[in-house]
Amino acid sequence: MKNKLPLILIGAGVLVVALAVFVVIRSLKSGGTTGSEDEVENVPELSQSQWPSITLTPVTDDKIPNSLGHLLGLKVQGIKITGAETMDYLLVYSTSDGGQQGVPGTVKLTGGDVERNLLLGSESSGKFRFDAGVSQGTITITFRNGNGKTLGKLTTDFHLQSNETILTSVDGKFTYNLDKVAKGVFFVTMPTFVQPTDPSMYVVWQNGYGVFASDGKAHAGTTSQ
């Protein structure tokens, strides 16, 4: 009997594993998901009355050499979601090799604007690596209460360009035609939901779309929608 005991235990273990796999497969086939997945899928979009302004501006950081074109300044203004205590953000962008990268984070809300610089690359031991060919992506913000319950989210896309005269939104519904090429300047064109409170932040803002320049200057041009 003692010699057979290890075999019995092994057999029992195999049976438990097989049963667990069966339950998981059956759940997936029937459309079952975990509670956290349900929560993510069912996060409501914020109503228009709750929309904040969401902007991304090409910025630089003296601590990151050659960061121009590889660093985006996220700014969220006018947050008025009742009960919200934290805000998650997730920047997702495509690279020249066809891959996708993400920059996640969480901010505790204190009643003011939220500002973060998001690196289009990675950092290790003080050394920075930039992802090549980044021109398009999305930014998603999600608000939560003190218990971590999701209250709502918003997602918008962005288009990063330089050394071009035609600046376009990702959806093709907004275009800003520069009078001339602005050498060495990076621009982001994106929907912002609400107009930013400071006019000096943007080159132009019209019907929910804004253009943001790395040099913070006005750049003459014409819009079309």
Protein backbone atom coordinates (compact mmCIF):
# COMPACT_ATOMS: atom_id res chain seq x y z
CA MET A 1 0.00 0.00 0.00
CA LYS A 2 2.88 2.33 0.88
CA ASN A 3 4.43 1.68 -2.52
CA LYS A 4 1.15 2.55 -4.26
CA LEU A 5 0.56 5.79 -2.29
CA PRO A 6 2.74 8.06 -4.53
CA LEU A 7 0.94 6.76 -7.61
CA ILE A 8 -2.44 7.46 -6.02
CA LEU A 9 -1.41 11.02 -5.14
CA ILE A 10 -0.08 11.66 -8.65
CA GLY A 11 -3.27 10.33 -10.16
CA ALA A 12 -5.37 12.55 -7.91
CA GLY A 13 -3.29 15.59 -8.87
CA VAL A 14 -3.73 14.89 -12.57
CA LEU A 15 -7.47 14.54 -12.07
CA VAL A 16 -7.69 17.91 -10.28
CA VAL A 17 -5.71 19.67 -13.01
CA ALA A 18 -7.80 18.09 -15.76
CA LEU A 19 -11.01 19.15 -14.00
CA ALA A 20 -9.75 22.74 -13.64
CA VAL A 21 -8.83 22.91 -17.33
CA PHE A 22 -12.26 21.57 -18.27
CA VAL A 23 -14.00 24.23 -16.15
CA VAL A 24 -11.93 27.05 -17.68
CA ILE A 25 -12.51 25.85 -21.26
CA ARG A 26 -16.22 25.46 -20.63
CA SER A 27 -16.39 28.95 -19.14
CA LEU A 28 -14.64 30.49 -22.14
CA LYS A 29 -16.85 28.66 -24.61
CA SER A 30 -19.93 29.96 -22.84
CA GLY A 31 -18.59 33.51 -22.89
CA GLY A 32 -17.63 33.51 -19.23
CA THR A 33 -15.03 35.98 -17.91
CA THR A 34 -13.56 36.94 -14.60
CA GLY A 35 -15.09 39.72 -12.53
CA SER A 36 -12.21 42.11 -13.30
CA GLU A 37 -12.59 41.52 -17.04
CA ASP A 38 -16.31 42.23 -16.77
CA GLU A 39 -15.52 45.48 -14.99
CA VAL A 40 -13.07 46.56 -17.69
CA GLU A 41 -15.49 45.72 -20.48
CA ASN A 42 -18.40 47.51 -18.80
CA VAL A 43 -16.65 50.77 -17.87
CA PRO A 44 -19.05 53.52 -19.00
CA GLU A 45 -17.96 56.42 -21.18
CA LEU A 46 -18.17 59.73 -19.37
CA SER A 47 -21.18 61.86 -20.20
CA GLN A 48 -20.51 65.08 -22.10
CA SER A 49 -21.19 67.16 -18.99
CA GLN A 50 -18.29 65.37 -17.27
CA TRP A 51 -15.74 65.69 -20.07
CA PRO A 52 -12.37 67.14 -19.13
CA SER A 53 -9.86 68.55 -21.60
CA ILE A 54 -7.24 65.97 -22.61
CA THR A 55 -4.11 67.17 -24.41
CA LEU A 56 -0.74 65.78 -25.48
CA THR A 57 2.07 68.19 -26.33
CA PRO A 58 5.57 67.31 -27.60
CA VAL A 59 7.95 68.40 -24.81
CA THR A 60 11.58 68.05 -23.78
CA ASP A 61 13.33 67.14 -20.54
CA ASP A 62 16.88 68.27 -19.72
CA LYS A 63 17.40 64.96 -17.91
CA ILE A 64 16.68 63.02 -21.10
CA PRO A 65 19.15 63.87 -23.90
CA ASN A 66 17.59 64.33 -27.36
CA SER A 67 14.09 63.86 -25.97
CA LEU A 68 12.38 66.11 -28.53
CA GLY A 69 9.89 64.01 -30.48
CA HIS A 70 10.13 61.21 -27.92
CA LEU A 71 8.32 62.75 -24.97
CA LEU A 72 4.65 63.79 -24.74
CA GLY A 73 3.27 66.03 -22.03
CA LEU A 74 -0.14 64.77 -20.91
CA LYS A 75 -2.42 67.39 -19.38
CA VAL A 76 -5.96 66.78 -18.13
CA GLN A 77 -7.92 69.91 -17.15
CA GLY A 78 -11.38 70.52 -15.73
CA ILE A 79 -11.88 67.20 -13.92
CA LYS A 80 -15.38 67.15 -12.42
CA ILE A 81 -16.30 63.50 -11.91
CA THR A 82 -18.15 63.16 -8.61
CA GLY A 83 -16.44 60.74 -6.24
CA ALA A 84 -13.31 60.29 -8.36
CA GLU A 85 -10.16 59.93 -6.24
CA THR A 86 -7.70 58.49 -8.75
CA MET A 87 -7.16 58.60 -12.51
CA ASP A 88 -5.49 55.85 -14.52
CA TYR A 89 -3.89 56.73 -17.84
CA LEU A 90 -2.68 54.47 -20.63
CA LEU A 91 -0.81 55.74 -23.67
CA VAL A 92 -0.65 53.16 -26.46
CA TYR A 93 1.32 53.77 -29.66
CA SER A 94 2.59 51.92 -32.72
CA THR A 95 6.26 51.65 -33.66
CA SER A 96 7.97 51.41 -37.04
CA ASP A 97 8.41 47.63 -36.71
CA GLY A 98 4.65 47.14 -36.44
CA GLY A 99 4.63 46.56 -32.69
CA GLN A 100 2.71 48.35 -29.98
CA GLN A 101 3.94 49.81 -26.72
CA GLY A 102 2.07 51.13 -23.70
CA VAL A 103 2.80 53.69 -21.00
CA PRO A 104 0.50 53.17 -17.97
CA GLY A 105 0.19 55.11 -14.73
CA THR A 106 -2.08 56.18 -11.89
CA VAL A 107 -2.49 59.64 -10.39
CA LYS A 108 -4.13 60.61 -7.09
CA LEU A 109 -6.56 63.46 -7.74
CA THR A 110 -6.11 66.54 -5.57
CA GLY A 111 -8.51 68.96 -7.22
CA GLY A 112 -6.16 70.49 -9.81
CA ASP A 113 -4.94 69.65 -13.29
CA VAL A 114 -3.10 66.39 -13.95
CA GLU A 115 0.25 66.66 -15.73
CA ARG A 116 2.66 63.87 -16.64
CA ASN A 117 5.47 63.50 -19.19
CA LEU A 118 5.17 60.19 -21.05
CA LEU A 119 8.24 58.66 -22.69
CA LEU A 120 7.90 57.01 -26.10
CA GLY A 121 10.49 54.42 -25.18
CA SER A 122 12.01 52.95 -22.05
CA GLU A 123 14.53 53.74 -19.31
CA SER A 124 16.94 51.43 -17.53
CA SER A 125 19.59 52.45 -15.01
CA GLY A 126 19.44 56.05 -16.18
CA LYS A 127 19.81 55.15 -19.85
CA PHE A 128 17.02 55.91 -22.29
CA ARG A 129 15.95 54.05 -25.41
CA PHE A 130 13.52 55.69 -27.82
CA ASP A 131 11.03 53.71 -29.89
CA ALA A 132 11.45 54.44 -33.59
CA GLY A 133 8.82 55.67 -35.99
CA VAL A 134 6.15 56.70 -33.50
CA SER A 135 3.47 58.80 -35.19
CA GLN A 136 0.07 57.57 -33.99
CA GLY A 137 -1.53 56.21 -30.86
CA THR A 138 -4.26 56.60 -28.24
CA ILE A 139 -4.55 57.91 -24.71
CA THR A 140 -7.17 56.49 -22.35
CA ILE A 141 -8.03 57.93 -18.95
CA THR A 142 -10.13 56.05 -16.39
CA PHE A 143 -11.50 57.51 -13.17
CA ARG A 144 -12.00 55.49 -9.97
CA ASN A 145 -13.48 56.11 -6.53
CA GLY A 146 -11.75 55.42 -3.22
CA ASN A 147 -12.66 51.73 -3.41
CA GLY A 148 -11.18 51.32 -6.87
CA LYS A 149 -14.56 51.14 -8.60
CA THR A 150 -14.47 52.52 -12.13
CA LEU A 151 -16.63 55.60 -12.66
CA GLY A 152 -15.96 56.27 -16.33
CA LYS A 153 -13.35 56.58 -19.03
CA LEU A 154 -12.44 58.49 -22.18
CA THR A 155 -10.20 57.56 -25.10
CA THR A 156 -8.81 59.82 -27.79
CA ASP A 157 -6.17 59.38 -30.49
CA PHE A 158 -3.18 61.50 -31.46
CA HIS A 159 -1.03 62.13 -34.54
CA LEU A 160 2.62 63.15 -34.03
CA GLN A 161 4.25 64.91 -37.00
CA SER A 162 7.31 66.97 -37.88
CA ASN A 163 8.75 68.66 -41.00
CA GLU A 164 5.38 68.59 -42.75
CA THR A 165 2.96 71.33 -43.74
CA ILE A 166 -0.25 69.28 -43.60
CA LEU A 167 -1.17 68.30 -40.03
CA THR A 168 -4.04 65.83 -39.79
CA SER A 169 -6.08 64.05 -37.14
CA VAL A 170 -5.97 60.25 -37.14
CA ASP A 171 -9.61 60.03 -38.19
CA GLY A 172 -8.97 62.39 -41.14
CA LYS A 173 -11.76 64.77 -40.07
CA PHE A 174 -9.48 67.69 -39.18
CA THR A 175 -6.58 69.25 -41.11
CA TYR A 176 -4.33 72.21 -40.37
CA ASN A 177 -2.32 73.47 -43.32
CA LEU A 178 0.80 75.31 -42.19
CA ASP A 179 1.92 78.26 -44.28
CA LYS A 180 5.46 76.87 -44.20
CA VAL A 181 7.46 74.00 -42.74
CA ALA A 182 8.43 74.58 -39.11
CA LYS A 183 11.88 73.02 -39.01
CA GLY A 184 12.72 71.14 -35.84
CA VAL A 185 9.21 71.53 -34.42
CA PHE A 186 6.98 68.59 -33.52
CA PHE A 187 3.19 68.82 -33.60
CA VAL A 188 0.41 66.71 -32.12
CA THR A 189 -3.05 66.85 -33.69
CA MET A 190 -5.87 65.30 -31.63
CA PRO A 191 -9.45 65.53 -30.35
CA THR A 192 -9.42 67.07 -26.86
CA PHE A 193 -13.15 66.76 -25.99
CA VAL A 194 -13.20 70.17 -24.28
CA GLN A 195 -11.28 73.31 -25.25
CA PRO A 196 -8.14 73.78 -23.10
CA THR A 197 -8.44 76.65 -20.65
CA ASP A 198 -5.18 78.32 -21.71
CA PRO A 199 -5.15 79.55 -25.35
CA SER A 200 -1.34 79.65 -25.32
CA MET A 201 -1.32 75.85 -25.07
CA TYR A 202 -2.41 75.25 -28.65
CA VAL A 203 -1.67 76.45 -32.17
CA VAL A 204 -5.34 76.16 -33.09
CA TRP A 205 -8.48 74.64 -31.57
CA GLN A 206 -11.67 74.09 -33.52
CA ASN A 207 -14.75 71.88 -33.07
CA GLY A 208 -13.08 69.61 -30.53
CA TYR A 209 -9.73 69.23 -32.32
CA GLY A 210 -6.47 70.88 -31.32
CA VAL A 211 -2.92 71.24 -32.64
CA PHE A 212 -0.08 71.43 -30.10
CA ALA A 213 3.50 72.47 -30.91
CA SER A 214 6.75 71.57 -29.16
CA ASP A 215 8.00 75.18 -29.26
CA GLY A 216 4.79 76.63 -27.81
CA LYS A 217 4.59 79.23 -30.55
CA ALA A 218 1.87 80.28 -32.96
CA HIS A 219 2.22 78.82 -36.43
CA ALA A 220 0.19 80.44 -39.19
CA GLY A 221 -2.04 78.23 -41.27
CA THR A 222 -5.60 77.37 -42.22
CA THR A 223 -8.00 74.71 -40.97
CA SER A 224 -10.40 72.42 -42.77
CA GLN A 225 -12.95 69.95 -41.43
